[in-house]
Amino acid sequence: MKKLFIIRHGKSSWNNPDLQDFDRPLNKRGMRDAPFMAKMLVGQGVKPDQIISSPANRALNTAINFAKENGLEADDIVIKHEIYEAYPEVLLQLVHQLSDDLNTVFMFGHNPGFTYLANTFEGQYIPNIPTCGIVCIEAEIDNWKKLSADTGRIAAFYFPKQYF
């Protein structure tokens, strides 16, 4: 069984209009939601074998919060530049490159690519993955290259407003 958790970055700040999109930090709500959602997964016994993230400030800081809750360091996060502004096909190609000894992977990034990717799989239709939303894709496969619309399904969908 392979489990891919696609996790949208926490809510970002627009306080500094001079910042490039890539550099926007988490805002107060994002800083609240990221550790909360990470603890929620830990409480369910979910532990990643690997964390990969977009290098964008808000995505990477969300990933760092999840890493900390799992006893990992920021240096343990694998940065993939391709995640930033990626189409779902690119995201799936990144997943296909994962090592097959990894069973549970957290991927941090952005919409609209993450919502489009989630909706390629069987299960509930998700009109929008909100900030710090988590979609778990499960597949009864032994090789990440086999993850596809035919093999994967949405097993869970969590987002902060379910709890706040």
Protein backbone atom coordinates (compact mmCIF):
# COMPACT_ATOMS: atom_id res chain seq x y z
CA MET A 1 0.00 0.00 0.00
CA LYS A 2 1.28 3.44 -0.97
CA LYS A 3 -0.12 6.61 0.57
CA LEU A 4 0.44 10.05 -0.89
CA PHE A 5 -0.65 13.01 1.21
CA ILE A 6 -0.96 16.13 -0.91
CA ILE A 7 -0.96 19.08 1.46
CA ARG A 8 -1.64 22.61 0.35
CA HIS A 9 0.41 25.29 2.07
CA GLY A 10 -1.07 27.21 4.98
CA LYS A 11 -2.76 30.58 4.54
CA SER A 12 -0.25 33.13 3.33
CA SER A 13 0.20 36.78 4.15
CA TRP A 14 -0.50 39.56 1.68
CA ASN A 15 0.68 42.28 4.10
CA ASN A 16 3.69 43.19 1.98
CA PRO A 17 2.53 43.90 -1.59
CA ASP A 18 6.15 44.24 -2.71
CA LEU A 19 6.89 40.56 -2.06
CA GLN A 20 6.91 38.18 -4.99
CA ASP A 21 4.33 35.38 -4.81
CA PHE A 22 7.15 32.88 -4.21
CA ASP A 23 8.32 34.75 -1.09
CA ARG A 24 5.01 35.26 0.73
CA PRO A 25 5.15 33.93 4.32
CA LEU A 26 2.43 32.24 6.34
CA ASN A 27 0.01 34.60 8.04
CA LYS A 28 -1.35 34.19 11.59
CA ARG A 29 -3.97 31.65 10.52
CA GLY A 30 -1.39 29.71 8.50
CA MET A 31 0.91 29.58 11.52
CA ARG A 32 -2.01 28.25 13.60
CA ASP A 33 -3.27 25.71 11.06
CA ALA A 34 0.00 24.06 10.00
CA PRO A 35 1.01 22.67 13.41
CA PHE A 36 -2.61 21.82 14.23
CA MET A 37 -3.11 19.78 11.05
CA ALA A 38 0.28 18.12 11.53
CA LYS A 39 -0.71 17.07 15.07
CA MET A 40 -4.01 15.76 13.74
CA LEU A 41 -2.19 13.39 11.37
CA VAL A 42 0.27 12.35 14.08
CA GLY A 43 -2.71 11.60 16.32
CA GLN A 44 -4.00 9.23 13.64
CA GLY A 45 -0.66 7.44 13.59
CA VAL A 46 0.35 8.82 10.20
CA LYS A 47 4.11 9.25 9.86
CA PRO A 48 5.82 10.16 6.58
CA ASP A 49 8.68 8.15 5.16
CA GLN A 50 9.56 11.28 3.20
CA ILE A 51 8.46 14.91 3.00
CA ILE A 52 8.83 16.77 -0.29
CA SER A 53 7.98 20.42 -0.77
CA SER A 54 7.83 23.31 -3.13
CA PRO A 55 10.59 25.78 -2.23
CA ALA A 56 8.07 28.66 -1.99
CA ASN A 57 8.21 30.23 1.48
CA ARG A 58 4.64 29.41 2.52
CA ALA A 59 4.82 25.79 1.33
CA LEU A 60 8.23 25.12 2.86
CA ASN A 61 7.23 26.63 6.21
CA THR A 62 4.09 24.50 6.24
CA ALA A 63 6.26 21.44 5.54
CA ILE A 64 8.66 22.43 8.33
CA ASN A 65 5.78 22.47 10.80
CA PHE A 66 4.78 18.95 9.74
CA ALA A 67 8.40 17.79 9.92
CA LYS A 68 8.76 19.10 13.48
CA GLU A 69 5.60 17.31 14.61
CA ASN A 70 7.09 14.11 13.21
CA GLY A 71 10.45 14.53 14.92
CA LEU A 72 12.20 15.52 11.69
CA GLU A 73 14.41 18.47 10.85
CA ALA A 74 13.93 21.05 8.12
CA ASP A 75 17.00 19.52 6.44
CA ASP A 76 15.08 16.24 6.06
CA ILE A 77 12.65 17.88 3.64
CA VAL A 78 13.36 17.22 -0.04
CA ILE A 79 12.90 20.42 -2.04
CA LYS A 80 11.42 20.01 -5.52
CA HIS A 81 11.33 23.22 -7.53
CA GLU A 82 9.00 21.59 -10.04
CA ILE A 83 6.13 21.62 -7.51
CA TYR A 84 5.79 25.40 -7.62
CA GLU A 85 3.05 26.29 -10.15
CA ALA A 86 3.03 22.69 -11.41
CA TYR A 87 0.41 21.08 -13.58
CA PRO A 88 -0.99 17.80 -12.20
CA GLU A 89 0.93 15.80 -14.82
CA VAL A 90 4.21 17.22 -13.51
CA LEU A 91 3.23 16.44 -9.92
CA LEU A 92 2.39 12.86 -10.87
CA GLN A 93 5.74 12.52 -12.68
CA LEU A 94 7.47 13.57 -9.43
CA VAL A 95 5.54 10.90 -7.55
CA HIS A 96 6.51 8.30 -10.15
CA GLN A 97 10.17 9.09 -9.39
CA LEU A 98 9.82 8.29 -5.68
CA SER A 99 11.80 5.41 -4.28
CA ASP A 100 9.68 2.30 -3.91
CA ASP A 101 10.91 1.72 -0.36
CA LEU A 102 8.83 4.77 0.67
CA ASN A 103 5.24 3.93 1.56
CA THR A 104 3.93 7.20 2.99
CA VAL A 105 4.91 10.49 1.40
CA PHE A 106 3.83 14.04 2.23
CA MET A 107 3.96 16.51 -0.68
CA PHE A 108 3.54 20.24 0.04
CA GLY A 109 2.56 22.70 -2.63
CA HIS A 110 -0.06 24.81 -4.29
CA ASN A 111 -3.35 25.15 -6.07
CA PRO A 112 -4.66 24.82 -8.64
CA GLY A 113 -2.32 21.90 -9.40
CA PHE A 114 -3.03 20.06 -6.15
CA THR A 115 -6.81 20.22 -6.55
CA TYR A 116 -6.55 19.09 -10.18
CA LEU A 117 -4.26 16.22 -9.13
CA ALA A 118 -6.61 15.08 -6.36
CA ASN A 119 -9.54 15.02 -8.73
CA THR A 120 -7.82 12.64 -11.13
CA PHE A 121 -8.39 9.89 -8.56
CA GLU A 122 -11.52 7.94 -7.63
CA GLY A 123 -13.48 9.14 -4.64
CA GLN A 124 -15.12 12.35 -3.67
CA TYR A 125 -14.91 15.35 -5.95
CA ILE A 126 -13.02 18.21 -4.28
CA PRO A 127 -13.87 21.61 -5.78
CA ASN A 128 -10.95 23.28 -3.99
CA ILE A 129 -8.32 22.11 -1.53
CA PRO A 130 -8.31 24.97 0.98
CA THR A 131 -5.14 26.28 2.58
CA CYS A 132 -3.57 23.63 4.81
CA GLY A 133 -5.99 21.09 3.35
CA ILE A 134 -4.83 17.49 3.18
CA VAL A 135 -5.86 14.86 0.66
CA CYS A 136 -4.75 11.27 1.22
CA ILE A 137 -4.43 9.19 -1.95
CA GLU A 138 -4.13 5.44 -1.36
CA ALA A 139 -3.13 2.78 -3.87
CA GLU A 140 -2.68 -0.98 -3.55
CA ILE A 141 0.60 -0.87 -5.46
CA ASP A 142 4.21 -1.69 -4.69
CA ASN A 143 5.73 0.72 -7.20
CA TRP A 144 5.09 4.48 -7.31
CA LYS A 145 5.26 4.38 -11.11
CA LYS A 146 1.95 2.48 -11.00
CA LEU A 147 0.09 5.33 -9.29
CA SER A 148 -2.61 6.50 -11.69
CA ALA A 149 -6.28 7.39 -11.90
CA ASP A 150 -6.93 3.64 -12.24
CA THR A 151 -4.95 2.55 -9.17
CA GLY A 152 -5.32 5.41 -6.68
CA ARG A 153 -8.31 6.65 -4.75
CA ILE A 154 -9.02 9.50 -2.38
CA ALA A 155 -9.08 7.89 1.06
CA ALA A 156 -9.39 11.04 3.20
CA PHE A 157 -9.79 14.79 2.95
CA TYR A 158 -9.10 17.09 5.90
CA PHE A 159 -9.03 20.86 6.20
CA PRO A 160 -8.76 23.32 9.09
CA LYS A 161 -12.34 24.63 8.97
CA GLN A 162 -13.52 21.14 9.94
CA TYR A 163 -11.91 21.80 13.33
CA PHE A 164 -12.16 25.57 13.84
